Amino acid sequence: MSGPSEDWFAPPSGPPAPPRQEAPLRGAAPAPSPYLPSGPSRPPAPPQPTGGYPPEPYYAPGWAAPVAAAPPPRRRPGRRLWVPLAGLAVVGLVVGAVLGGRFWLDRRPLGTVDAATSVLSTRLGTGHCVQTLPADGEVGRVTVVPCDEAHSAEVVGARTLSFTQWPGAAEVAADLALWCEMDTAQREAGFHAVVWAPSEKGWGQGDRTGLCLAALDEGRANGSFVAGDEVTTG
């Protein structure tokens, strides 16, 4: 027998080798690999960069790039309340100033009287003449006139009480009654003593002064005992 031809080779032993794949041309899509599964369960491979440019972002089917949430608007706490609160504060200051001013005016010394004036009794002092004596009880506002005009009573004394706390209306009245007395000329002219004492409410507001008045039950007087005038009645 003749020997084997030079063009014949014995088949290799073992499993057959996989078919040889040619390298893809530049820019062409790669051929699918027979060893990779295909179908809807695996997304397609991302495109390969070509021409030396950086790869574009790749998104698999059914997936979207996350969108950054817009930052919440900046809030300025208190801005909406600032104007109303500021307005209320201004109103409060105005009201407080008005009330404080009225409180001060109602309690500051009256001073010289040139014409008939309606004032709180807490403003009266020695030498003030009261046009008409009010009824017994709590004394609020009274009309004060110059003492050379007709009047029913004159404040002839003022005394600061020495109690450290409110002792009661009866105790205050008794203390002032021992001090308030008419002299001979006043008694002969028909005057009698009247005491105006602080009330408990007035005591709580700082009133510590009791007044002694020379008062007429009937008629009117002209002139001032405090000023040294010759007082006439009629």
C-alpha atoms as a PDB file:
ATOM      1  CA  MET A   1       0.000   0.000   0.000  1.00  0.00           C
ATOM      2  CA  SER A   2       1.142   3.390  -0.609  1.00  0.00           C
ATOM      3  CA  GLY A   3       1.699   5.783   2.330  1.00  0.00           C
ATOM      4  CA  PRO A   4      -0.511   8.759   3.209  1.00  0.00           C
ATOM      5  CA  SER A   5      -0.592  11.733   0.994  1.00  0.00           C
ATOM      6  CA  GLU A   6       1.216  14.858   2.093  1.00  0.00           C
ATOM      7  CA  ASP A   7      -2.083  16.833   1.950  1.00  0.00           C
ATOM      8  CA  TRP A   8      -3.841  14.559   4.430  1.00  0.00           C
ATOM      9  CA  PHE A   9      -3.700  15.023   8.184  1.00  0.00           C
ATOM     10  CA  ALA A  10      -5.041  12.718  10.822  1.00  0.00           C
ATOM     11  CA  PRO A  11      -8.029  14.142  12.669  1.00  0.00           C
ATOM     12  CA  PRO A  12      -7.122  15.482  16.095  1.00  0.00           C
ATOM     13  CA  SER A  13      -8.203  13.557  19.105  1.00  0.00           C
ATOM     14  CA  GLY A  14     -10.565  15.126  21.754  1.00  0.00           C
ATOM     15  CA  PRO A  15     -13.624  17.456  21.411  1.00  0.00           C
ATOM     16  CA  PRO A  16     -13.859  19.577  18.314  1.00  0.00           C
ATOM     17  CA  ALA A  17     -12.544  23.159  18.597  1.00  0.00           C
ATOM     18  CA  PRO A  18     -15.080  26.021  18.382  1.00  0.00           C
ATOM     19  CA  PRO A  19     -15.370  27.656  15.009  1.00  0.00           C
ATOM     20  CA  ARG A  20     -12.964  30.507  14.442  1.00  0.00           C
ATOM     21  CA  GLN A  21     -14.453  33.978  14.483  1.00  0.00           C
ATOM     22  CA  GLU A  22     -13.149  36.720  12.364  1.00  0.00           C
ATOM     23  CA  ALA A  23     -12.367  40.059  14.077  1.00  0.00           C
ATOM     24  CA  PRO A  24     -15.112  42.602  13.356  1.00  0.00           C
ATOM     25  CA  LEU A  25     -14.362  45.458  11.077  1.00  0.00           C
ATOM     26  CA  ARG A  26     -13.789  48.866  12.705  1.00  0.00           C
ATOM     27  CA  GLY A  27     -17.120  50.512  13.332  1.00  0.00           C
ATOM     28  CA  ALA A  28     -19.182  47.383  12.602  1.00  0.00           C
ATOM     29  CA  ALA A  29     -21.481  45.832  15.194  1.00  0.00           C
ATOM     30  CA  PRO A  30     -20.032  42.672  16.764  1.00  0.00           C
ATOM     31  CA  ALA A  31     -21.517  39.339  15.815  1.00  0.00           C
ATOM     32  CA  PRO A  32     -23.622  37.674  18.482  1.00  0.00           C
ATOM     33  CA  SER A  33     -21.786  35.146  20.558  1.00  0.00           C
ATOM     34  CA  PRO A  34     -23.116  31.598  20.361  1.00  0.00           C
ATOM     35  CA  TYR A  35     -22.212  31.137  24.033  1.00  0.00           C
ATOM     36  CA  LEU A  36     -24.311  34.060  25.418  1.00  0.00           C
ATOM     37  CA  PRO A  37     -28.052  33.636  25.971  1.00  0.00           C
ATOM     38  CA  SER A  38     -30.395  35.787  23.939  1.00  0.00           C
ATOM     39  CA  GLY A  39     -33.983  36.828  24.400  1.00  0.00           C
ATOM     40  CA  PRO A  40     -35.986  39.337  26.460  1.00  0.00           C
ATOM     41  CA  SER A  41     -34.372  38.293  29.749  1.00  0.00           C
ATOM     42  CA  ARG A  42     -31.021  39.919  28.875  1.00  0.00           C
ATOM     43  CA  PRO A  43     -30.683  43.539  27.700  1.00  0.00           C
ATOM     44  CA  PRO A  44     -28.738  44.152  24.517  1.00  0.00           C
ATOM     45  CA  ALA A  45     -25.046  44.905  24.860  1.00  0.00           C
ATOM     46  CA  PRO A  46     -24.090  48.566  24.965  1.00  0.00           C
ATOM     47  CA  PRO A  47     -22.690  50.067  21.764  1.00  0.00           C
ATOM     48  CA  GLN A  48     -18.927  50.073  21.550  1.00  0.00           C
ATOM     49  CA  PRO A  49     -17.070  53.376  21.252  1.00  0.00           C
ATOM     50  CA  THR A  50     -15.879  54.210  17.763  1.00  0.00           C
ATOM     51  CA  GLY A  51     -13.542  56.757  16.362  1.00  0.00           C
ATOM     52  CA  GLY A  52     -11.879  57.462  19.737  1.00  0.00           C
ATOM     53  CA  TYR A  53     -14.893  59.397  21.153  1.00  0.00           C
ATOM     54  CA  PRO A  54     -16.094  58.805  24.737  1.00  0.00           C
ATOM     55  CA  PRO A  55     -19.018  56.412  24.991  1.00  0.00           C
ATOM     56  CA  GLU A  56     -22.526  57.803  25.198  1.00  0.00           C
ATOM     57  CA  PRO A  57     -24.626  56.885  28.263  1.00  0.00           C
ATOM     58  CA  TYR A  58     -26.344  53.593  27.783  1.00  0.00           C
ATOM     59  CA  TYR A  59     -29.825  52.842  29.118  1.00  0.00           C
ATOM     60  CA  ALA A  60     -31.335  49.394  29.017  1.00  0.00           C
ATOM     61  CA  PRO A  61     -34.911  49.054  27.752  1.00  0.00           C
ATOM     62  CA  GLY A  62     -37.517  49.775  30.439  1.00  0.00           C
ATOM     63  CA  TRP A  63     -35.157  51.871  32.590  1.00  0.00           C
ATOM     64  CA  ALA A  64     -34.962  55.666  32.735  1.00  0.00           C
ATOM     65  CA  ALA A  65     -32.246  57.885  34.077  1.00  0.00           C
ATOM     66  CA  PRO A  66     -33.053  59.250  37.560  1.00  0.00           C
ATOM     67  CA  VAL A  67     -34.187  62.869  37.629  1.00  0.00           C
ATOM     68  CA  ALA A  68     -32.841  64.906  40.514  1.00  0.00           C
ATOM     69  CA  ALA A  69     -35.672  66.235  42.687  1.00  0.00           C
ATOM     70  CA  ALA A  70     -36.034  70.015  42.702  1.00  0.00           C
ATOM     71  CA  PRO A  71     -34.936  71.527  46.010  1.00  0.00           C
ATOM     72  CA  PRO A  72     -37.856  72.660  48.201  1.00  0.00           C
ATOM     73  CA  PRO A  73     -38.518  76.411  48.162  1.00  0.00           C
ATOM     74  CA  ARG A  74     -36.773  78.300  50.909  1.00  0.00           C
ATOM     75  CA  ARG A  75     -39.111  79.498  53.608  1.00  0.00           C
ATOM     76  CA  ARG A  76     -38.551  82.400  55.907  1.00  0.00           C
ATOM     77  CA  PRO A  77     -40.134  81.503  59.231  1.00  0.00           C
ATOM     78  CA  GLY A  78     -42.062  84.319  60.793  1.00  0.00           C
ATOM     79  CA  ARG A  79     -42.173  86.555  57.720  1.00  0.00           C
ATOM     80  CA  ARG A  80     -45.938  86.204  57.353  1.00  0.00           C
ATOM     81  CA  LEU A  81     -46.447  86.821  61.034  1.00  0.00           C
ATOM     82  CA  TRP A  82     -43.912  89.540  61.376  1.00  0.00           C
ATOM     83  CA  VAL A  83     -46.102  92.428  60.150  1.00  0.00           C
ATOM     84  CA  PRO A  84     -49.198  91.501  62.209  1.00  0.00           C
ATOM     85  CA  LEU A  85     -47.106  90.943  65.323  1.00  0.00           C
ATOM     86  CA  ALA A  86     -45.248  94.181  64.763  1.00  0.00           C
ATOM     87  CA  GLY A  87     -48.595  95.920  64.288  1.00  0.00           C
ATOM     88  CA  LEU A  88     -49.934  94.415  67.491  1.00  0.00           C
ATOM     89  CA  ALA A  89     -46.805  95.450  69.323  1.00  0.00           C
ATOM     90  CA  VAL A  90     -47.218  99.037  68.112  1.00  0.00           C
ATOM     91  CA  VAL A  91     -50.890  99.025  69.104  1.00  0.00           C
ATOM     92  CA  GLY A  92     -49.952  97.622  72.499  1.00  0.00           C
ATOM     93  CA  LEU A  93     -47.361 100.344  72.999  1.00  0.00           C
ATOM     94  CA  VAL A  94     -49.833 103.059  71.997  1.00  0.00           C
ATOM     95  CA  VAL A  95     -52.570 101.701  74.271  1.00  0.00           C
ATOM     96  CA  GLY A  96     -50.086 101.289  77.113  1.00  0.00           C
ATOM     97  CA  ALA A  97     -48.823 104.826  76.625  1.00  0.00           C
ATOM     98  CA  VAL A  98     -52.368 106.228  76.583  1.00  0.00           C
ATOM     99  CA  LEU A  99     -53.412 104.313  79.695  1.00  0.00           C
ATOM    100  CA  GLY A 100     -50.158 105.121  81.466  1.00  0.00           C
ATOM    101  CA  GLY A 101     -50.484 108.793  80.550  1.00  0.00           C
ATOM    102  CA  ARG A 102     -54.069 108.902  81.765  1.00  0.00           C
ATOM    103  CA  PHE A 103     -53.088 107.152  85.016  1.00  0.00           C
ATOM    104  CA  TRP A 104     -50.346 109.700  85.574  1.00  0.00           C
ATOM    105  CA  LEU A 105     -52.601 112.651  84.728  1.00  0.00           C
ATOM    106  CA  ASP A 106     -55.317 111.403  87.091  1.00  0.00           C
ATOM    107  CA  ARG A 107     -52.872 111.291  89.997  1.00  0.00           C
ATOM    108  CA  ARG A 108     -50.417 114.124  89.535  1.00  0.00           C
ATOM    109  CA  PRO A 109     -50.911 117.145  91.825  1.00  0.00           C
ATOM    110  CA  LEU A 110     -53.505 119.565  90.517  1.00  0.00           C
ATOM    111  CA  GLY A 111     -51.659 122.799  91.175  1.00  0.00           C
ATOM    112  CA  THR A 112     -53.234 126.248  90.862  1.00  0.00           C
ATOM    113  CA  VAL A 113     -56.848 126.385  89.720  1.00  0.00           C
ATOM    114  CA  ASP A 114     -57.840 129.341  87.525  1.00  0.00           C
ATOM    115  CA  ALA A 115     -61.243 128.092  86.387  1.00  0.00           C
ATOM    116  CA  ALA A 116     -63.795 125.416  87.209  1.00  0.00           C
ATOM    117  CA  THR A 117     -62.158 122.038  86.499  1.00  0.00           C
ATOM    118  CA  SER A 118     -63.471 118.464  86.817  1.00  0.00           C
ATOM    119  CA  VAL A 119     -60.760 116.236  88.289  1.00  0.00           C
ATOM    120  CA  LEU A 120     -60.384 113.044  90.299  1.00  0.00           C
ATOM    121  CA  SER A 121     -60.358 113.609  94.028  1.00  0.00           C
ATOM    122  CA  THR A 122     -56.937 111.940  94.203  1.00  0.00           C
ATOM    123  CA  ARG A 123     -55.421 115.064  92.591  1.00  0.00           C
ATOM    124  CA  LEU A 124     -56.605 117.464  95.277  1.00  0.00           C
ATOM    125  CA  GLY A 125     -54.254 119.034  97.788  1.00  0.00           C
ATOM    126  CA  THR A 126     -54.261 121.625 100.492  1.00  0.00           C
ATOM    127  CA  GLY A 127     -55.915 124.912  99.410  1.00  0.00           C
ATOM    128  CA  HIS A 128     -58.219 123.481  96.710  1.00  0.00           C
ATOM    129  CA  CYS A 129     -61.875 124.472  96.916  1.00  0.00           C
ATOM    130  CA  VAL A 130     -64.651 122.085  95.914  1.00  0.00           C
ATOM    131  CA  GLN A 131     -67.677 123.629  94.212  1.00  0.00           C
ATOM    132  CA  THR A 132     -70.227 121.114  95.539  1.00  0.00           C
ATOM    133  CA  LEU A 133     -69.550 118.521  98.196  1.00  0.00           C
ATOM    134  CA  PRO A 134     -70.533 115.047  96.902  1.00  0.00           C
ATOM    135  CA  ALA A 135     -72.734 112.658  98.853  1.00  0.00           C
ATOM    136  CA  ASP A 136     -71.241 110.296 101.384  1.00  0.00           C
ATOM    137  CA  GLY A 137     -69.558 107.247  99.916  1.00  0.00           C
ATOM    138  CA  GLU A 138     -66.850 106.744  97.341  1.00  0.00           C
ATOM    139  CA  VAL A 139     -65.659 110.013  95.852  1.00  0.00           C
ATOM    140  CA  GLY A 140     -64.721 110.006  92.191  1.00  0.00           C
ATOM    141  CA  ARG A 141     -64.577 113.208  90.159  1.00  0.00           C
ATOM    142  CA  VAL A 142     -65.338 116.579  91.674  1.00  0.00           C
ATOM    143  CA  THR A 143     -65.455 120.123  90.337  1.00  0.00           C
ATOM    144  CA  VAL A 144     -62.759 122.389  91.705  1.00  0.00           C
ATOM    145  CA  VAL A 145     -63.039 126.188  91.469  1.00  0.00           C
ATOM    146  CA  PRO A 146     -60.879 129.147  92.476  1.00  0.00           C
ATOM    147  CA  CYS A 147     -61.503 129.773  96.177  1.00  0.00           C
ATOM    148  CA  ASP A 148     -62.724 133.347  95.546  1.00  0.00           C
ATOM    149  CA  GLU A 149     -65.715 131.777  93.776  1.00  0.00           C
ATOM    150  CA  ALA A 150     -68.631 130.180  95.629  1.00  0.00           C
ATOM    151  CA  HIS A 151     -67.797 126.740  96.986  1.00  0.00           C
ATOM    152  CA  SER A 152     -68.988 124.229  99.585  1.00  0.00           C
ATOM    153  CA  ALA A 153     -65.690 122.966 100.984  1.00  0.00           C
ATOM    154  CA  GLU A 154     -61.961 123.602 101.091  1.00  0.00           C
ATOM    155  CA  VAL A 155     -59.115 121.132 101.601  1.00  0.00           C
ATOM    156  CA  VAL A 156     -57.377 122.482 104.703  1.00  0.00           C
ATOM    157  CA  GLY A 157     -54.979 119.573 105.310  1.00  0.00           C
ATOM    158  CA  ALA A 158     -53.381 116.518 103.674  1.00  0.00           C
ATOM    159  CA  ARG A 159     -51.713 113.683 105.539  1.00  0.00           C
ATOM    160  CA  THR A 160     -49.705 110.665 104.362  1.00  0.00           C
ATOM    161  CA  LEU A 161     -50.841 107.490 106.124  1.00  0.00           C
ATOM    162  CA  SER A 162     -48.182 105.530 107.999  1.00  0.00           C
ATOM    163  CA  PHE A 163     -49.644 102.024 107.559  1.00  0.00           C
ATOM    164  CA  THR A 164     -47.366  99.537 105.814  1.00  0.00           C
ATOM    165  CA  GLN A 165     -50.331  97.522 104.482  1.00  0.00           C
ATOM    166  CA  TRP A 166     -54.028  98.059 104.035  1.00  0.00           C
ATOM    167  CA  PRO A 167     -55.548  98.069 107.559  1.00  0.00           C
ATOM    168  CA  GLY A 168     -59.200  98.313 106.532  1.00  0.00           C
ATOM    169  CA  ALA A 169     -61.490 101.256 105.737  1.00  0.00           C
ATOM    170  CA  ALA A 170     -62.619 101.749 109.337  1.00  0.00           C
ATOM    171  CA  GLU A 171     -59.064 101.908 110.665  1.00  0.00           C
ATOM    172  CA  VAL A 172     -58.010 104.410 108.017  1.00  0.00           C
ATOM    173  CA  ALA A 173     -61.053 106.639 108.655  1.00  0.00           C
ATOM    174  CA  ALA A 174     -60.523 106.541 112.427  1.00  0.00           C
ATOM    175  CA  ASP A 175     -56.854 107.466 112.084  1.00  0.00           C
ATOM    176  CA  LEU A 176     -57.661 110.467 109.874  1.00  0.00           C
ATOM    177  CA  ALA A 177     -60.612 111.579 112.042  1.00  0.00           C
ATOM    178  CA  LEU A 178     -58.307 112.043 115.064  1.00  0.00           C
ATOM    179  CA  TRP A 179     -56.116 114.323 113.009  1.00  0.00           C
ATOM    180  CA  CYS A 180     -58.739 116.364 111.078  1.00  0.00           C
ATOM    181  CA  GLU A 181     -60.188 119.080 113.381  1.00  0.00           C
ATOM    182  CA  MET A 182     -61.683 122.552 112.792  1.00  0.00           C
ATOM    183  CA  ASP A 183     -60.270 125.547 114.572  1.00  0.00           C
ATOM    184  CA  THR A 184     -62.409 128.112 116.354  1.00  0.00           C
ATOM    185  CA  ALA A 185     -62.852 130.468 113.351  1.00  0.00           C
ATOM    186  CA  GLN A 186     -63.938 127.613 111.126  1.00  0.00           C
ATOM    187  CA  ARG A 187     -66.454 126.301 113.645  1.00  0.00           C
ATOM    188  CA  GLU A 188     -67.884 129.769 114.234  1.00  0.00           C
ATOM    189  CA  ALA A 189     -68.314 130.214 110.448  1.00  0.00           C
ATOM    190  CA  GLY A 190     -70.389 127.005 110.347  1.00  0.00           C
ATOM    191  CA  PHE A 191     -67.783 124.648 108.942  1.00  0.00           C
ATOM    192  CA  HIS A 192     -67.378 121.045 110.066  1.00  0.00           C
ATOM    193  CA  ALA A 193     -64.684 118.493 109.368  1.00  0.00           C
ATOM    194  CA  VAL A 194     -64.997 115.981 106.523  1.00  0.00           C
ATOM    195  CA  VAL A 195     -62.407 113.267 105.895  1.00  0.00           C
ATOM    196  CA  TRP A 196     -61.618 111.784 102.485  1.00  0.00           C
ATOM    197  CA  ALA A 197     -59.599 108.596 102.933  1.00  0.00           C
ATOM    198  CA  PRO A 198     -58.079 106.259 100.306  1.00  0.00           C
ATOM    199  CA  SER A 199     -60.254 103.280  99.389  1.00  0.00           C
ATOM    200  CA  GLU A 200     -58.845  99.760  99.282  1.00  0.00           C
ATOM    201  CA  LYS A 201     -58.691 100.002  95.482  1.00  0.00           C
ATOM    202  CA  GLY A 202     -56.922 103.366  95.693  1.00  0.00           C
ATOM    203  CA  TRP A 203     -54.513 101.943  98.273  1.00  0.00           C
ATOM    204  CA  GLY A 204     -53.650  99.158  95.866  1.00  0.00           C
ATOM    205  CA  GLN A 205     -52.856 101.803  93.215  1.00  0.00           C
ATOM    206  CA  GLY A 206     -50.514 103.658  95.553  1.00  0.00           C
ATOM    207  CA  ASP A 207     -52.819 106.246  97.151  1.00  0.00           C
ATOM    208  CA  ARG A 208     -51.596 106.885 100.704  1.00  0.00           C
ATOM    209  CA  THR A 209     -52.915 110.413 101.312  1.00  0.00           C
ATOM    210  CA  GLY A 210     -55.919 111.391 103.423  1.00  0.00           C
ATOM    211  CA  LEU A 211     -57.593 114.816 103.065  1.00  0.00           C
ATOM    212  CA  CYS A 212     -59.196 117.020 105.703  1.00  0.00           C
ATOM    213  CA  LEU A 213     -61.909 119.372 104.382  1.00  0.00           C
ATOM    214  CA  ALA A 214     -63.685 122.284 106.010  1.00  0.00           C
ATOM    215  CA  ALA A 215     -67.217 121.891 104.654  1.00  0.00           C
ATOM    216  CA  LEU A 216     -70.558 123.663 104.857  1.00  0.00           C
ATOM    217  CA  ASP A 217     -73.813 121.739 105.104  1.00  0.00           C
ATOM    218  CA  GLU A 218     -75.715 124.656 103.586  1.00  0.00           C
ATOM    219  CA  GLY A 219     -74.806 127.771 101.661  1.00  0.00           C
ATOM    220  CA  ARG A 220     -71.604 128.743  99.904  1.00  0.00           C
ATOM    221  CA  ALA A 221     -68.296 130.213 101.025  1.00  0.00           C
ATOM    222  CA  ASN A 222     -65.915 132.643  99.359  1.00  0.00           C
ATOM    223  CA  GLY A 223     -62.230 132.933 100.248  1.00  0.00           C
ATOM    224  CA  SER A 224     -59.590 130.487 101.481  1.00  0.00           C
ATOM    225  CA  PHE A 225     -58.610 129.555 105.008  1.00  0.00           C
ATOM    226  CA  VAL A 226     -55.268 128.200 103.744  1.00  0.00           C
ATOM    227  CA  ALA A 227     -54.448 131.461 101.934  1.00  0.00           C
ATOM    228  CA  GLY A 228     -55.382 133.507 105.026  1.00  0.00           C
ATOM    229  CA  ASP A 229     -58.377 135.173 103.380  1.00  0.00           C
ATOM    230  CA  GLU A 230     -61.374 136.493 105.335  1.00  0.00           C
ATOM    231  CA  VAL A 231     -63.819 133.730 104.460  1.00  0.00           C
ATOM    232  CA  THR A 232     -67.442 134.739 104.071  1.00  0.00           C
ATOM    233  CA  THR A 233     -70.460 132.504 103.865  1.00  0.00           C
ATOM    234  CA  GLY A 234     -73.937 133.059 102.506  1.00  0.00           C
END
